[in-house]
């Protein structure tokens, strides 16, 4: 993500050359990557709750806290 943010934040310019066109495309790709990341993060709480409810064993197995981890 550290490399994507500067690309997405680059200023738009006139598309008068091939290089300007490539920079505009790179900027658009950077912005799309940030949008997709935000969308994925917005789904994480719902998926986490669904996993805990429907597959508690799997959720415990992949818990970030070692004391909560269980072996199958």
PDB file of N, CA and C in Angstrom:
ATOM      1  N   UNK A   1       0.810  -1.202   0.000  1.00  0.00           N
ATOM      2  CA  UNK A   1       0.000   0.000   0.000  1.00  0.00           C
ATOM      3  C   UNK A   1       0.852   1.263   0.000  1.00  0.00           C
ATOM      4  N   UNK A   2       2.061   1.152   0.511  1.00  0.00           N
ATOM      5  CA  UNK A   2       2.918   2.332   0.569  1.00  0.00           C
ATOM      6  C   UNK A   2       3.245   2.852  -0.827  1.00  0.00           C
ATOM      7  N   UNK A   3       3.308   1.974  -1.798  1.00  0.00           N
ATOM      8  CA  UNK A   3       3.610   2.411  -3.160  1.00  0.00           C
ATOM      9  C   UNK A   3       2.369   2.835  -3.921  1.00  0.00           C
ATOM     10  N   UNK A   4       1.210   2.391  -3.479  1.00  0.00           N
ATOM     11  CA  UNK A   4      -0.032   2.685  -4.199  1.00  0.00           C
ATOM     12  C   UNK A   4      -0.525   4.093  -3.897  1.00  0.00           C
ATOM     13  N   UNK A   5      -0.411   4.526  -2.648  1.00  0.00           N
ATOM     14  CA  UNK A   5      -0.947   5.837  -2.270  1.00  0.00           C
ATOM     15  C   UNK A   5      -0.347   6.991  -3.079  1.00  0.00           C
ATOM     16  N   UNK A   6       0.974   7.046  -3.258  1.00  0.00           N
ATOM     17  CA  UNK A   6       1.507   8.147  -4.082  1.00  0.00           C
ATOM     18  C   UNK A   6       1.026   8.103  -5.530  1.00  0.00           C
ATOM     19  N   UNK A   7       0.853   6.907  -6.068  1.00  0.00           N
ATOM     20  CA  UNK A   7       0.344   6.798  -7.439  1.00  0.00           C
ATOM     21  C   UNK A   7      -1.066   7.354  -7.535  1.00  0.00           C
ATOM     22  N   UNK A   8      -1.907   6.971  -6.562  1.00  0.00           N
ATOM     23  CA  UNK A   8      -3.299   7.411  -6.586  1.00  0.00           C
ATOM     24  C   UNK A   8      -3.419   8.911  -6.338  1.00  0.00           C
ATOM     25  N   UNK A   9      -2.459   9.479  -5.635  1.00  0.00           N
ATOM     26  CA  UNK A   9      -2.526  10.894  -5.288  1.00  0.00           C
ATOM     27  C   UNK A   9      -1.859  11.798  -6.323  1.00  0.00           C
ATOM     28  N   UNK A  10      -1.249  11.218  -7.340  1.00  0.00           N
ATOM     29  CA  UNK A  10      -0.579  12.048  -8.333  1.00  0.00           C
ATOM     30  C   UNK A  10      -1.599  12.946  -9.037  1.00  0.00           C
ATOM     31  N   UNK A  11      -1.197  14.148  -9.350  1.00  0.00           N
ATOM     32  CA  UNK A  11      -2.152  15.099  -9.938  1.00  0.00           C
ATOM     33  C   UNK A  11      -2.533  14.706 -11.366  1.00  0.00           C
ATOM     34  N   UNK A  12      -3.784  14.909 -11.716  1.00  0.00           N
ATOM     35  CA  UNK A  12      -4.179  14.627 -13.104  1.00  0.00           C
ATOM     36  C   UNK A  12      -3.585  15.684 -14.031  1.00  0.00           C
ATOM     37  N   UNK A  13      -3.327  15.268 -15.234  1.00  0.00           N
ATOM     38  CA  UNK A  13      -2.762  16.210 -16.202  1.00  0.00           C
ATOM     39  C   UNK A  13      -3.444  16.048 -17.553  1.00  0.00           C
ATOM     40  N   UNK A  14      -3.032  16.866 -18.486  1.00  0.00           N
ATOM     41  CA  UNK A  14      -3.587  16.767 -19.840  1.00  0.00           C
ATOM     42  C   UNK A  14      -2.982  15.568 -20.545  1.00  0.00           C
ATOM     43  N   UNK A  15      -3.784  14.891 -21.307  1.00  0.00           N
ATOM     44  CA  UNK A  15      -3.332  13.705 -22.021  1.00  0.00           C
ATOM     45  C   UNK A  15      -2.845  14.085 -23.416  1.00  0.00           C
ATOM     46  N   UNK A  16      -1.664  14.668 -23.438  1.00  0.00           N
ATOM     47  CA  UNK A  16      -1.124  15.123 -24.714  1.00  0.00           C
ATOM     48  C   UNK A  16      -0.013  14.224 -25.240  1.00  0.00           C
ATOM     49  N   UNK A  17       0.505  13.341 -24.391  1.00  0.00           N
ATOM     50  CA  UNK A  17       1.575  12.437 -24.812  1.00  0.00           C
ATOM     51  C   UNK A  17       1.282  11.025 -24.324  1.00  0.00           C
ATOM     52  N   UNK A  18       2.030  10.101 -24.831  1.00  0.00           N
ATOM     53  CA  UNK A  18       1.888   8.701 -24.393  1.00  0.00           C
ATOM     54  C   UNK A  18       2.278   8.576 -22.926  1.00  0.00           C
ATOM     55  N   UNK A  19       3.303   9.307 -22.520  1.00  0.00           N
ATOM     56  CA  UNK A  19       3.734   9.251 -21.112  1.00  0.00           C
ATOM     57  C   UNK A  19       2.643   9.801 -20.204  1.00  0.00           C
ATOM     58  N   UNK A  20       2.007  10.888 -20.590  1.00  0.00           N
ATOM     59  CA  UNK A  20       0.914  11.447 -19.792  1.00  0.00           C
ATOM     60  C   UNK A  20      -0.240  10.460 -19.695  1.00  0.00           C
ATOM     61  N   UNK A  21      -0.508   9.759 -20.770  1.00  0.00           N
ATOM     62  CA  UNK A  21      -1.565   8.755 -20.768  1.00  0.00           C
ATOM     63  C   UNK A  21      -1.220   7.602 -19.826  1.00  0.00           C
ATOM     64  N   UNK A  22       0.032   7.171 -19.856  1.00  0.00           N
ATOM     65  CA  UNK A  22       0.475   6.093 -18.969  1.00  0.00           C
ATOM     66  C   UNK A  22       0.388   6.529 -17.505  1.00  0.00           C
ATOM     67  N   UNK A  23       0.743   7.761 -17.211  1.00  0.00           N
ATOM     68  CA  UNK A  23       0.645   8.276 -15.839  1.00  0.00           C
ATOM     69  C   UNK A  23      -0.803   8.346 -15.387  1.00  0.00           C
ATOM     70  N   UNK A  24      -1.699   8.746 -16.286  1.00  0.00           N
ATOM     71  CA  UNK A  24      -3.124   8.801 -15.945  1.00  0.00           C
ATOM     72  C   UNK A  24      -3.656   7.404 -15.658  1.00  0.00           C
ATOM     73  N   UNK A  25      -3.243   6.425 -16.446  1.00  0.00           N
ATOM     74  CA  UNK A  25      -3.672   5.037 -16.239  1.00  0.00           C
ATOM     75  C   UNK A  25      -3.134   4.517 -14.913  1.00  0.00           C
ATOM     76  N   UNK A  26      -1.870   4.846 -14.618  1.00  0.00           N
ATOM     77  CA  UNK A  26      -1.261   4.417 -13.357  1.00  0.00           C
ATOM     78  C   UNK A  26      -1.996   5.028 -12.169  1.00  0.00           C
ATOM     79  N   UNK A  27      -2.385   6.297 -12.303  1.00  0.00           N
ATOM     80  CA  UNK A  27      -3.145   6.967 -11.246  1.00  0.00           C
ATOM     81  C   UNK A  27      -4.504   6.295 -11.049  1.00  0.00           C
ATOM     82  N   UNK A  28      -5.179   5.976 -12.142  1.00  0.00           N
ATOM     83  CA  UNK A  28      -6.491   5.323 -12.068  1.00  0.00           C
ATOM     84  C   UNK A  28      -6.376   3.939 -11.425  1.00  0.00           C
ATOM     85  N   UNK A  29      -5.334   3.208 -11.770  1.00  0.00           N
ATOM     86  CA  UNK A  29      -5.129   1.880 -11.175  1.00  0.00           C
ATOM     87  C   UNK A  29      -4.864   2.015  -9.679  1.00  0.00           C
ATOM     88  N   UNK A  30      -4.072   3.006  -9.282  1.00  0.00           N
ATOM     89  CA  UNK A  30      -3.809   3.230  -7.856  1.00  0.00           C
ATOM     90  C   UNK A  30      -5.080   3.568  -7.091  1.00  0.00           C
ATOM     91  N   UNK A  31      -5.915   4.419  -7.671  1.00  0.00           N
ATOM     92  CA  UNK A  31      -7.176   4.774  -7.022  1.00  0.00           C
ATOM     93  C   UNK A  31      -8.096   3.568  -6.907  1.00  0.00           C
ATOM     94  N   UNK A  32      -8.142   2.758  -7.948  1.00  0.00           N
ATOM     95  CA  UNK A  32      -8.988   1.549  -7.918  1.00  0.00           C
ATOM     96  C   UNK A  32      -8.499   0.574  -6.858  1.00  0.00           C
ATOM     97  N   UNK A  33      -7.193   0.446  -6.718  1.00  0.00           N
ATOM     98  CA  UNK A  33      -6.623  -0.457  -5.711  1.00  0.00           C
ATOM     99  C   UNK A  33      -7.003  -0.002  -4.315  1.00  0.00           C
ATOM    100  N   UNK A  34      -6.948   1.302  -4.058  1.00  0.00           N
ATOM    101  CA  UNK A  34      -7.347   1.828  -2.748  1.00  0.00           C
ATOM    102  C   UNK A  34      -8.838   1.615  -2.502  1.00  0.00           C
ATOM    103  N   UNK A  35      -9.659   1.805  -3.524  1.00  0.00           N
ATOM    104  CA  UNK A  35     -11.102   1.579  -3.393  1.00  0.00           C
ATOM    105  C   UNK A  35     -11.406   0.120  -3.084  1.00  0.00           C
ATOM    106  N   UNK A  36     -10.738  -0.793  -3.777  1.00  0.00           N
ATOM    107  CA  UNK A  36     -10.957  -2.224  -3.532  1.00  0.00           C
ATOM    108  C   UNK A  36     -10.510  -2.619  -2.127  1.00  0.00           C
ATOM    109  N   UNK A  37      -9.400  -2.068  -1.673  1.00  0.00           N
ATOM    110  CA  UNK A  37      -8.925  -2.364  -0.324  1.00  0.00           C
ATOM    111  C   UNK A  37      -9.942  -1.909   0.718  1.00  0.00           C
ATOM    112  N   UNK A  38     -10.490  -0.722   0.527  1.00  0.00           N
ATOM    113  CA  UNK A  38     -11.505  -0.207   1.458  1.00  0.00           C
ATOM    114  C   UNK A  38     -12.761  -1.078   1.431  1.00  0.00           C
ATOM    115  N   UNK A  39     -13.151  -1.525   0.258  1.00  0.00           N
ATOM    116  CA  UNK A  39     -14.334  -2.386   0.153  1.00  0.00           C
ATOM    117  C   UNK A  39     -14.105  -3.722   0.853  1.00  0.00           C
ATOM    118  N   UNK A  40     -12.942  -4.300   0.658  1.00  0.00           N
ATOM    119  CA  UNK A  40     -12.631  -5.578   1.313  1.00  0.00           C
ATOM    120  C   UNK A  40     -12.630  -5.407   2.826  1.00  0.00           C
ATOM    121  N   UNK A  41     -12.016  -4.342   3.311  1.00  0.00           N
ATOM    122  CA  UNK A  41     -11.989  -4.094   4.761  1.00  0.00           C
ATOM    123  C   UNK A  41     -13.392  -3.879   5.332  1.00  0.00           C
ATOM    124  N   UNK A  42     -14.288  -3.314   4.540  1.00  0.00           N
ATOM    125  CA  UNK A  42     -15.652  -3.099   5.032  1.00  0.00           C
ATOM    126  C   UNK A  42     -16.419  -4.409   5.185  1.00  0.00           C
ATOM    127  N   UNK A  43     -16.010  -5.442   4.454  1.00  0.00           N
ATOM    128  CA  UNK A  43     -16.666  -6.750   4.561  1.00  0.00           C
ATOM    129  C   UNK A  43     -16.106  -7.613   5.689  1.00  0.00           C
ATOM    130  N   UNK A  44     -14.905  -7.308   6.151  1.00  0.00           N
ATOM    131  CA  UNK A  44     -14.245  -8.135   7.162  1.00  0.00           C
ATOM    132  C   UNK A  44     -15.072  -8.351   8.433  1.00  0.00           C
ATOM    133  N   UNK A  45     -15.694  -7.323   9.021  1.00  0.00           N
ATOM    134  CA  UNK A  45     -16.466  -7.577  10.245  1.00  0.00           C
ATOM    135  C   UNK A  45     -17.640  -8.543  10.023  1.00  0.00           C
ATOM    136  N   UNK A  46     -18.292  -8.435   8.878  1.00  0.00           N
ATOM    137  CA  UNK A  46     -19.418  -9.326   8.591  1.00  0.00           C
ATOM    138  C   UNK A  46     -18.938 -10.759   8.398  1.00  0.00           C
ATOM    139  N   UNK A  47     -17.856 -10.912   7.662  1.00  0.00           N
ATOM    140  CA  UNK A  47     -17.315 -12.254   7.433  1.00  0.00           C
ATOM    141  C   UNK A  47     -16.788 -12.868   8.715  1.00  0.00           C
ATOM    142  N   UNK A  48     -16.192 -12.059   9.559  1.00  0.00           N
ATOM    143  CA  UNK A  48     -15.685 -12.550  10.839  1.00  0.00           C
ATOM    144  C   UNK A  48     -16.834 -13.046  11.720  1.00  0.00           C
ATOM    145  N   UNK A  49     -17.896 -12.267  11.808  1.00  0.00           N
ATOM    146  CA  UNK A  49     -19.064 -12.679  12.597  1.00  0.00           C
ATOM    147  C   UNK A  49     -19.718 -13.926  12.036  1.00  0.00           C
ATOM    148  N   UNK A  50     -19.819 -13.995  10.731  1.00  0.00           N
ATOM    149  CA  UNK A  50     -20.406 -15.169  10.087  1.00  0.00           C
ATOM    150  C   UNK A  50     -19.566 -16.410  10.350  1.00  0.00           C
ATOM    151  N   UNK A  51     -18.253 -16.264  10.265  1.00  0.00           N
ATOM    152  CA  UNK A  51     -17.366 -17.394  10.518  1.00  0.00           C
ATOM    153  C   UNK A  51     -17.472 -17.855  11.971  1.00  0.00           C
ATOM    154  N   UNK A  52     -17.503 -16.916  12.900  1.00  0.00           N
ATOM    155  CA  UNK A  52     -17.621 -17.280  14.323  1.00  0.00           C
ATOM    156  C   UNK A  52     -18.931 -17.996  14.603  1.00  0.00           C
ATOM    157  N   UNK A  53     -19.995 -17.597  13.898  1.00  0.00           N
ATOM    158  CA  UNK A  53     -21.299 -18.205  14.134  1.00  0.00           C
ATOM    159  C   UNK A  53     -21.438 -19.562  13.444  1.00  0.00           C
ATOM    160  N   UNK A  54     -20.957 -19.660  12.214  1.00  0.00           N
ATOM    161  CA  UNK A  54     -21.167 -20.882  11.433  1.00  0.00           C
ATOM    162  C   UNK A  54     -20.037 -21.894  11.553  1.00  0.00           C
ATOM    163  N   UNK A  55     -18.843 -21.438  11.869  1.00  0.00           N
ATOM    164  CA  UNK A  55     -17.697 -22.354  11.975  1.00  0.00           C
ATOM    165  C   UNK A  55     -16.812 -21.923  13.141  1.00  0.00           C
ATOM    166  N   UNK A  56     -17.322 -22.078  14.367  1.00  0.00           N
ATOM    167  CA  UNK A  56     -16.552 -21.602  15.517  1.00  0.00           C
ATOM    168  C   UNK A  56     -15.207 -22.320  15.679  1.00  0.00           C
ATOM    169  N   UNK A  57     -15.151 -23.578  15.284  1.00  0.00           N
ATOM    170  CA  UNK A  57     -13.882 -24.304  15.388  1.00  0.00           C
ATOM    171  C   UNK A  57     -12.822 -23.709  14.490  1.00  0.00           C
ATOM    172  N   UNK A  58     -13.216 -23.347  13.279  1.00  0.00           N
ATOM    173  CA  UNK A  58     -12.279 -22.744  12.347  1.00  0.00           C
ATOM    174  C   UNK A  58     -11.860 -21.353  12.838  1.00  0.00           C
ATOM    175  N   UNK A  59     -12.807 -20.599  13.391  1.00  0.00           N
ATOM    176  CA  UNK A  59     -12.489 -19.267  13.899  1.00  0.00           C
ATOM    177  C   UNK A  59     -11.501 -19.363  15.059  1.00  0.00           C
ATOM    178  N   UNK A  60     -11.685 -20.345  15.930  1.00  0.00           N
ATOM    179  CA  UNK A  60     -10.771 -20.514  17.057  1.00  0.00           C
ATOM    180  C   UNK A  60      -9.395 -20.976  16.585  1.00  0.00           C
ATOM    181  N   UNK A  61      -9.368 -21.796  15.555  1.00  0.00           N
ATOM    182  CA  UNK A  61      -8.109 -22.299  15.022  1.00  0.00           C
ATOM    183  C   UNK A  61      -7.252 -21.166  14.455  1.00  0.00           C
ATOM    184  N   UNK A  62      -7.895 -20.165  13.887  1.00  0.00           N
ATOM    185  CA  UNK A  62      -7.172 -19.056  13.257  1.00  0.00           C
ATOM    186  C   UNK A  62      -7.197 -17.784  14.100  1.00  0.00           C
ATOM    187  N   UNK A  63      -7.466 -17.917  15.378  1.00  0.00           N
ATOM    188  CA  UNK A  63      -7.509 -16.764  16.265  1.00  0.00           C
ATOM    189  C   UNK A  63      -6.119 -16.150  16.406  1.00  0.00           C
ATOM    190  N   UNK A  64      -6.021 -14.817  16.455  1.00  0.00           N
ATOM    191  CA  UNK A  64      -4.712 -14.192  16.629  1.00  0.00           C
ATOM    192  C   UNK A  64      -4.138 -14.390  18.033  1.00  0.00           C
ATOM    193  N   UNK A  65      -4.992 -14.744  18.991  1.00  0.00           N
ATOM    194  CA  UNK A  65      -4.513 -14.946  20.361  1.00  0.00           C
ATOM    195  C   UNK A  65      -4.209 -16.426  20.587  1.00  0.00           C
ATOM    196  N   UNK A  66      -2.975 -16.746  20.979  1.00  0.00           N
ATOM    197  CA  UNK A  66      -2.591 -18.150  21.156  1.00  0.00           C
ATOM    198  C   UNK A  66      -3.464 -18.893  22.170  1.00  0.00           C
ATOM    199  N   UNK A  67      -3.934 -18.202  23.188  1.00  0.00           N
ATOM    200  CA  UNK A  67      -4.734 -18.885  24.221  1.00  0.00           C
ATOM    201  C   UNK A  67      -6.097 -19.319  23.684  1.00  0.00           C
ATOM    202  N   UNK A  68      -6.556 -18.692  22.604  1.00  0.00           N
ATOM    203  CA  UNK A  68      -7.849 -19.036  22.036  1.00  0.00           C
ATOM    204  C   UNK A  68      -7.748 -20.082  20.922  1.00  0.00           C
ATOM    205  N   UNK A  69      -6.536 -20.376  20.472  1.00  0.00           N
ATOM    206  CA  UNK A  69      -6.370 -21.323  19.385  1.00  0.00           C
ATOM    207  C   UNK A  69      -6.653 -22.739  19.862  1.00  0.00           C
ATOM    208  N   UNK A  70      -7.312 -23.480  19.034  1.00  0.00           N
ATOM    209  CA  UNK A  70      -7.576 -24.887  19.312  1.00  0.00           C
ATOM    210  C   UNK A  70      -7.082 -25.708  18.133  1.00  0.00           C
ATOM    211  N   UNK A  71      -6.711 -26.917  18.426  1.00  0.00           N
ATOM    212  CA  UNK A  71      -6.316 -27.846  17.361  1.00  0.00           C
ATOM    213  C   UNK A  71      -7.518 -28.668  16.947  1.00  0.00           C
ATOM    214  N   UNK A  72      -7.584 -28.996  15.665  1.00  0.00           N
ATOM    215  CA  UNK A  72      -8.670 -29.831  15.166  1.00  0.00           C
ATOM    216  C   UNK A  72      -8.429 -31.284  15.536  1.00  0.00           C
TER     217      UNK A  72
END
